[in-house]
Structures are given as C-alpha cells and as structure tokens.
Amino acid sequence: MSLPTPSPVDQIRRLAGLFRTKHAISSGERAALRRLNPDAPSAAFWSFLARVSPELANSLTDASTPRWASVIQSLATIGVFIEIGSTRPGVAIRRAGVSDLRLRQFLESPTLRLPGICRFFVQKGQSVDPTTLALYVLWPSPELHADIARDFYLTPAP
C-alpha cells in the first residue's frame, strides 16, 4: 500500500516548515539555496529535494523546475519570517514597503521576481504565509493575481 501523494499546498507548507525551523537545514545548505539560479538550479537544489521530498524531485519537469527552484530559493530567504496562517501575501507586500511598480513586476513575472519580494520581507522583518505566493509562482491564475493585488491595494501604506 502506497502513501497518498501530498497536495501542492501540503508540499509547500512542509517545505516552509523546514525553512522556518532554524536547525532543520544547515546554514551552509540554506545559504546555497538562497543563491540559487532558478533557470539553472545547482546541485544544492537537487540534493535538498532528494533528501526532503524525493517524490517532488522525481515529478519535476523542465517547465516546472525553475518555478520550484524560485519557491525554494524564496523560502530559504525568508526563513524565520515564515508563519503559516499569518499575514496574507498582498498585505505583507504592502507592509514591507514594496512599491506599486515592484508588485506589478512580480504579478507579471512571478518566478523571476519572488526572491526579490522575499528579500523585502527580511529587510522589514515582515512575517508572511508563503503558501499563496508559492502557488502563484507554480500555477499563476487570475484568482490568485486578484487576491494578491486586492490585498495590497486595500492595505494602507506604511
């Protein structure tokens, strides 16, 4: 009997939990993952996935690998500021002081722009639930786009 395949949300939250926990990932591995190039993931990416989620590593395609690499790079960047069930991404982006232009750039090119948005969270000490951000990078949809934009524009600027 095989175990059920985790849903994308479960996979994201499990990975996020590893990055949230200070000692689950070594500082060297975390640093290597922060430096990833999503278009050409290094051995650190594959080593990490093979160790913590071999089912995900085996399911990646040429098209999905850069998106997952961007998500993992971003989770490694925000680390302790990950709080599942906390601040929605659009609200967190606004509170971190991200400009309208950067938000639009992220919404138009999420794989490329997510790591930069996450650096803002760290610089401002802004916690965020990364689940929706990761889902938007992995499977962009008009609904997620609207959720992030709506929360951003309805949140007062800092």
C-alpha atoms as a PDB file:
ATOM      1  CA  MET A   1       0.000   0.000   0.000  1.00  0.00           C
ATOM      2  CA  SER A   2       1.483   3.350  -1.021  1.00  0.00           C
ATOM      3  CA  LEU A   3       1.070   6.614   0.817  1.00  0.00           C
ATOM      4  CA  PRO A   4      -1.122   9.283  -0.791  1.00  0.00           C
ATOM      5  CA  THR A   5       0.733  11.955  -2.765  1.00  0.00           C
ATOM      6  CA  PRO A   6       0.801  15.229  -0.830  1.00  0.00           C
ATOM      7  CA  SER A   7      -1.167  18.107  -2.350  1.00  0.00           C
ATOM      8  CA  PRO A   8       0.779  21.131  -3.622  1.00  0.00           C
ATOM      9  CA  VAL A   9      -0.368  23.129  -0.577  1.00  0.00           C
ATOM     10  CA  ASP A  10       0.853  20.358   1.740  1.00  0.00           C
ATOM     11  CA  GLN A  11       4.195  20.213  -0.092  1.00  0.00           C
ATOM     12  CA  ILE A  12       4.665  23.984   0.129  1.00  0.00           C
ATOM     13  CA  ARG A  13       3.759  24.081   3.815  1.00  0.00           C
ATOM     14  CA  ARG A  14       6.027  21.149   4.621  1.00  0.00           C
ATOM     15  CA  LEU A  15       8.956  22.800   2.862  1.00  0.00           C
ATOM     16  CA  ALA A  16       8.126  26.136   4.507  1.00  0.00           C
ATOM     17  CA  GLY A  17       8.118  24.442   7.909  1.00  0.00           C
ATOM     18  CA  LEU A  18      11.634  23.142   7.306  1.00  0.00           C
ATOM     19  CA  PHE A  19      12.899  26.626   6.493  1.00  0.00           C
ATOM     20  CA  ARG A  20      11.034  28.119   9.455  1.00  0.00           C
ATOM     21  CA  THR A  21      12.780  25.723  11.849  1.00  0.00           C
ATOM     22  CA  LYS A  22      16.270  27.012  12.472  1.00  0.00           C
ATOM     23  CA  HIS A  23      18.053  23.654  12.775  1.00  0.00           C
ATOM     24  CA  ALA A  24      16.198  21.594  10.151  1.00  0.00           C
ATOM     25  CA  ILE A  25      18.518  22.853   7.401  1.00  0.00           C
ATOM     26  CA  SER A  26      22.191  23.664   7.901  1.00  0.00           C
ATOM     27  CA  SER A  27      23.278  27.266   7.470  1.00  0.00           C
ATOM     28  CA  GLY A  28      25.516  26.249   4.548  1.00  0.00           C
ATOM     29  CA  GLU A  29      22.688  24.486   2.736  1.00  0.00           C
ATOM     30  CA  ARG A  30      20.326  27.395   3.428  1.00  0.00           C
ATOM     31  CA  ALA A  31      22.904  29.847   2.018  1.00  0.00           C
ATOM     32  CA  ALA A  32      23.415  27.724  -1.100  1.00  0.00           C
ATOM     33  CA  LEU A  33      19.647  27.603  -1.661  1.00  0.00           C
ATOM     34  CA  ARG A  34      19.364  31.405  -1.242  1.00  0.00           C
ATOM     35  CA  ARG A  35      21.945  31.787  -4.047  1.00  0.00           C
ATOM     36  CA  LEU A  36      20.099  29.508  -6.495  1.00  0.00           C
ATOM     37  CA  ASN A  37      19.653  30.497 -10.102  1.00  0.00           C
ATOM     38  CA  PRO A  38      16.118  29.218 -10.778  1.00  0.00           C
ATOM     39  CA  ASP A  39      16.831  28.883 -14.505  1.00  0.00           C
ATOM     40  CA  ALA A  40      19.754  26.538 -13.809  1.00  0.00           C
ATOM     41  CA  PRO A  41      19.387  25.081 -10.300  1.00  0.00           C
ATOM     42  CA  SER A  42      22.625  23.928  -8.707  1.00  0.00           C
ATOM     43  CA  ALA A  43      23.402  20.608  -7.099  1.00  0.00           C
ATOM     44  CA  ALA A  44      22.290  22.133  -3.769  1.00  0.00           C
ATOM     45  CA  PHE A  45      18.711  22.292  -5.085  1.00  0.00           C
ATOM     46  CA  TRP A  46      18.661  18.652  -6.191  1.00  0.00           C
ATOM     47  CA  SER A  47      20.436  17.442  -3.058  1.00  0.00           C
ATOM     48  CA  PHE A  48      17.924  19.273  -0.855  1.00  0.00           C
ATOM     49  CA  LEU A  49      14.902  17.932  -2.757  1.00  0.00           C
ATOM     50  CA  ALA A  50      16.261  14.385  -2.891  1.00  0.00           C
ATOM     51  CA  ARG A  51      16.700  14.475   0.877  1.00  0.00           C
ATOM     52  CA  VAL A  52      13.432  16.141   1.961  1.00  0.00           C
ATOM     53  CA  SER A  53      10.981  15.431  -0.863  1.00  0.00           C
ATOM     54  CA  PRO A  54      12.118  12.772  -3.338  1.00  0.00           C
ATOM     55  CA  GLU A  55       8.566  12.447  -4.690  1.00  0.00           C
ATOM     56  CA  LEU A  56       8.622  16.121  -5.659  1.00  0.00           C
ATOM     57  CA  ALA A  57      12.142  15.850  -7.127  1.00  0.00           C
ATOM     58  CA  ASN A  58      11.016  12.922  -9.283  1.00  0.00           C
ATOM     59  CA  SER A  59       7.929  14.775 -10.521  1.00  0.00           C
ATOM     60  CA  LEU A  60       9.672  17.926 -11.761  1.00  0.00           C
ATOM     61  CA  THR A  61       9.757  18.695 -15.475  1.00  0.00           C
ATOM     62  CA  ASP A  62      11.864  21.134 -17.485  1.00  0.00           C
ATOM     63  CA  ALA A  63       8.987  23.616 -17.229  1.00  0.00           C
ATOM     64  CA  SER A  64       8.282  23.205 -13.506  1.00  0.00           C
ATOM     65  CA  THR A  65      11.877  23.066 -12.220  1.00  0.00           C
ATOM     66  CA  PRO A  66      12.589  26.841 -12.452  1.00  0.00           C
ATOM     67  CA  ARG A  67       9.313  27.634 -10.682  1.00  0.00           C
ATOM     68  CA  TRP A  68      10.014  25.212  -7.821  1.00  0.00           C
ATOM     69  CA  ALA A  69      13.610  26.484  -7.623  1.00  0.00           C
ATOM     70  CA  SER A  70      12.285  30.042  -7.249  1.00  0.00           C
ATOM     71  CA  VAL A  71       9.916  28.917  -4.479  1.00  0.00           C
ATOM     72  CA  ILE A  72      12.676  27.069  -2.603  1.00  0.00           C
ATOM     73  CA  GLN A  73      15.103  29.996  -3.034  1.00  0.00           C
ATOM     74  CA  SER A  74      12.431  32.303  -1.621  1.00  0.00           C
ATOM     75  CA  LEU A  75      11.618  30.038   1.337  1.00  0.00           C
ATOM     76  CA  ALA A  76      15.340  29.865   2.132  1.00  0.00           C
ATOM     77  CA  THR A  77      15.458  33.672   2.006  1.00  0.00           C
ATOM     78  CA  ILE A  78      12.537  34.403   4.318  1.00  0.00           C
ATOM     79  CA  GLY A  79      13.258  31.568   6.778  1.00  0.00           C
ATOM     80  CA  VAL A  80      12.112  32.603  10.240  1.00  0.00           C
ATOM     81  CA  PHE A  81       9.618  35.110   8.816  1.00  0.00           C
ATOM     82  CA  ILE A  82       7.501  32.224   7.505  1.00  0.00           C
ATOM     83  CA  GLU A  83       4.286  31.971   9.503  1.00  0.00           C
ATOM     84  CA  ILE A  84       1.653  29.670   8.063  1.00  0.00           C
ATOM     85  CA  GLY A  85      -1.781  31.136   8.667  1.00  0.00           C
ATOM     86  CA  SER A  86      -0.410  34.626   9.320  1.00  0.00           C
ATOM     87  CA  THR A  87      -0.324  37.655   7.069  1.00  0.00           C
ATOM     88  CA  ARG A  88      -1.744  37.281   3.567  1.00  0.00           C
ATOM     89  CA  PRO A  89       0.820  37.981   0.821  1.00  0.00           C
ATOM     90  CA  GLY A  90      -0.714  41.192  -0.566  1.00  0.00           C
ATOM     91  CA  VAL A  91      -0.905  42.665   2.931  1.00  0.00           C
ATOM     92  CA  ALA A  92       2.665  41.570   3.747  1.00  0.00           C
ATOM     93  CA  ILE A  93       3.963  43.012   0.466  1.00  0.00           C
ATOM     94  CA  ARG A  94       2.323  46.370   1.246  1.00  0.00           C
ATOM     95  CA  ARG A  95       3.567  46.380   4.868  1.00  0.00           C
ATOM     96  CA  ALA A  96       7.100  45.589   3.681  1.00  0.00           C
ATOM     97  CA  GLY A  97       7.049  48.809   1.669  1.00  0.00           C
ATOM     98  CA  VAL A  98       7.134  47.241  -1.783  1.00  0.00           C
ATOM     99  CA  SER A  99       6.250  49.798  -4.478  1.00  0.00           C
ATOM    100  CA  ASP A 100       3.333  49.521  -6.884  1.00  0.00           C
ATOM    101  CA  LEU A 101       5.828  49.004  -9.708  1.00  0.00           C
ATOM    102  CA  ARG A 102       7.537  46.065  -7.959  1.00  0.00           C
ATOM    103  CA  LEU A 103       4.173  44.497  -7.191  1.00  0.00           C
ATOM    104  CA  ARG A 104       3.154  44.749 -10.862  1.00  0.00           C
ATOM    105  CA  GLN A 105       6.510  43.300 -11.947  1.00  0.00           C
ATOM    106  CA  PHE A 106       6.027  40.383  -9.548  1.00  0.00           C
ATOM    107  CA  LEU A 107       2.488  39.727 -10.758  1.00  0.00           C
ATOM    108  CA  GLU A 108       3.684  39.772 -14.391  1.00  0.00           C
ATOM    109  CA  SER A 109       6.790  37.634 -13.829  1.00  0.00           C
ATOM    110  CA  PRO A 110       6.426  35.740 -10.529  1.00  0.00           C
ATOM    111  CA  THR A 111       9.209  33.178 -11.000  1.00  0.00           C
ATOM    112  CA  LEU A 112      11.762  35.901 -11.635  1.00  0.00           C
ATOM    113  CA  ARG A 113      10.523  38.403  -9.026  1.00  0.00           C
ATOM    114  CA  LEU A 114       9.532  36.309  -5.980  1.00  0.00           C
ATOM    115  CA  PRO A 115      13.051  36.152  -4.450  1.00  0.00           C
ATOM    116  CA  GLY A 116      13.289  39.954  -4.539  1.00  0.00           C
ATOM    117  CA  ILE A 117       9.916  40.351  -2.845  1.00  0.00           C
ATOM    118  CA  CYS A 118      11.080  37.922  -0.148  1.00  0.00           C
ATOM    119  CA  ARG A 119      14.217  39.991   0.475  1.00  0.00           C
ATOM    120  CA  PHE A 120      11.898  42.913   1.304  1.00  0.00           C
ATOM    121  CA  PHE A 121      10.181  40.757   3.943  1.00  0.00           C
ATOM    122  CA  VAL A 122      13.528  40.025   5.584  1.00  0.00           C
ATOM    123  CA  GLN A 123      14.720  43.644   5.431  1.00  0.00           C
ATOM    124  CA  LYS A 124      11.492  44.864   7.056  1.00  0.00           C
ATOM    125  CA  GLY A 125      11.056  41.948   9.472  1.00  0.00           C
ATOM    126  CA  GLN A 126       7.669  41.202   7.895  1.00  0.00           C
ATOM    127  CA  SER A 127       6.165  37.763   8.514  1.00  0.00           C
ATOM    128  CA  VAL A 128       4.137  36.155   5.752  1.00  0.00           C
ATOM    129  CA  ASP A 129       2.270  32.974   4.910  1.00  0.00           C
ATOM    130  CA  PRO A 130       4.151  31.994   1.720  1.00  0.00           C
ATOM    131  CA  THR A 131       1.582  29.452   0.532  1.00  0.00           C
ATOM    132  CA  THR A 132      -0.320  31.764  -1.853  1.00  0.00           C
ATOM    133  CA  LEU A 133       2.909  33.318  -3.160  1.00  0.00           C
ATOM    134  CA  ALA A 134       4.289  29.878  -3.934  1.00  0.00           C
ATOM    135  CA  LEU A 135       1.054  28.739  -5.568  1.00  0.00           C
ATOM    136  CA  TYR A 136       1.055  31.883  -7.722  1.00  0.00           C
ATOM    137  CA  VAL A 137       4.603  31.144  -8.903  1.00  0.00           C
ATOM    138  CA  LEU A 138       3.836  27.485  -9.559  1.00  0.00           C
ATOM    139  CA  TRP A 139       0.404  27.933 -11.161  1.00  0.00           C
ATOM    140  CA  PRO A 140      -0.364  31.602 -11.927  1.00  0.00           C
ATOM    141  CA  SER A 141      -4.083  32.219 -12.053  1.00  0.00           C
ATOM    142  CA  PRO A 142      -6.303  35.277 -12.379  1.00  0.00           C
ATOM    143  CA  GLU A 143      -7.865  34.458  -8.991  1.00  0.00           C
ATOM    144  CA  LEU A 144      -4.540  34.429  -7.111  1.00  0.00           C
ATOM    145  CA  HIS A 145      -3.407  37.521  -9.040  1.00  0.00           C
ATOM    146  CA  ALA A 146      -6.573  39.331  -7.948  1.00  0.00           C
ATOM    147  CA  ASP A 147      -6.247  38.174  -4.312  1.00  0.00           C
ATOM    148  CA  ILE A 148      -2.677  39.461  -4.015  1.00  0.00           C
ATOM    149  CA  ALA A 149      -3.401  42.759  -5.808  1.00  0.00           C
ATOM    150  CA  ARG A 150      -6.645  43.380  -3.897  1.00  0.00           C
ATOM    151  CA  ASP A 151      -4.999  42.812  -0.509  1.00  0.00           C
ATOM    152  CA  PHE A 152      -2.059  45.034  -1.495  1.00  0.00           C
ATOM    153  CA  TYR A 153      -4.201  47.974  -2.611  1.00  0.00           C
ATOM    154  CA  LEU A 154      -6.709  47.689   0.244  1.00  0.00           C
ATOM    155  CA  THR A 155      -3.963  47.771   2.875  1.00  0.00           C
ATOM    156  CA  PRO A 156      -2.889  51.239   4.000  1.00  0.00           C
ATOM    157  CA  ALA A 157       0.701  52.086   3.059  1.00  0.00           C
ATOM    158  CA  PRO A 158       3.155  52.037   5.972  1.00  0.00           C
END
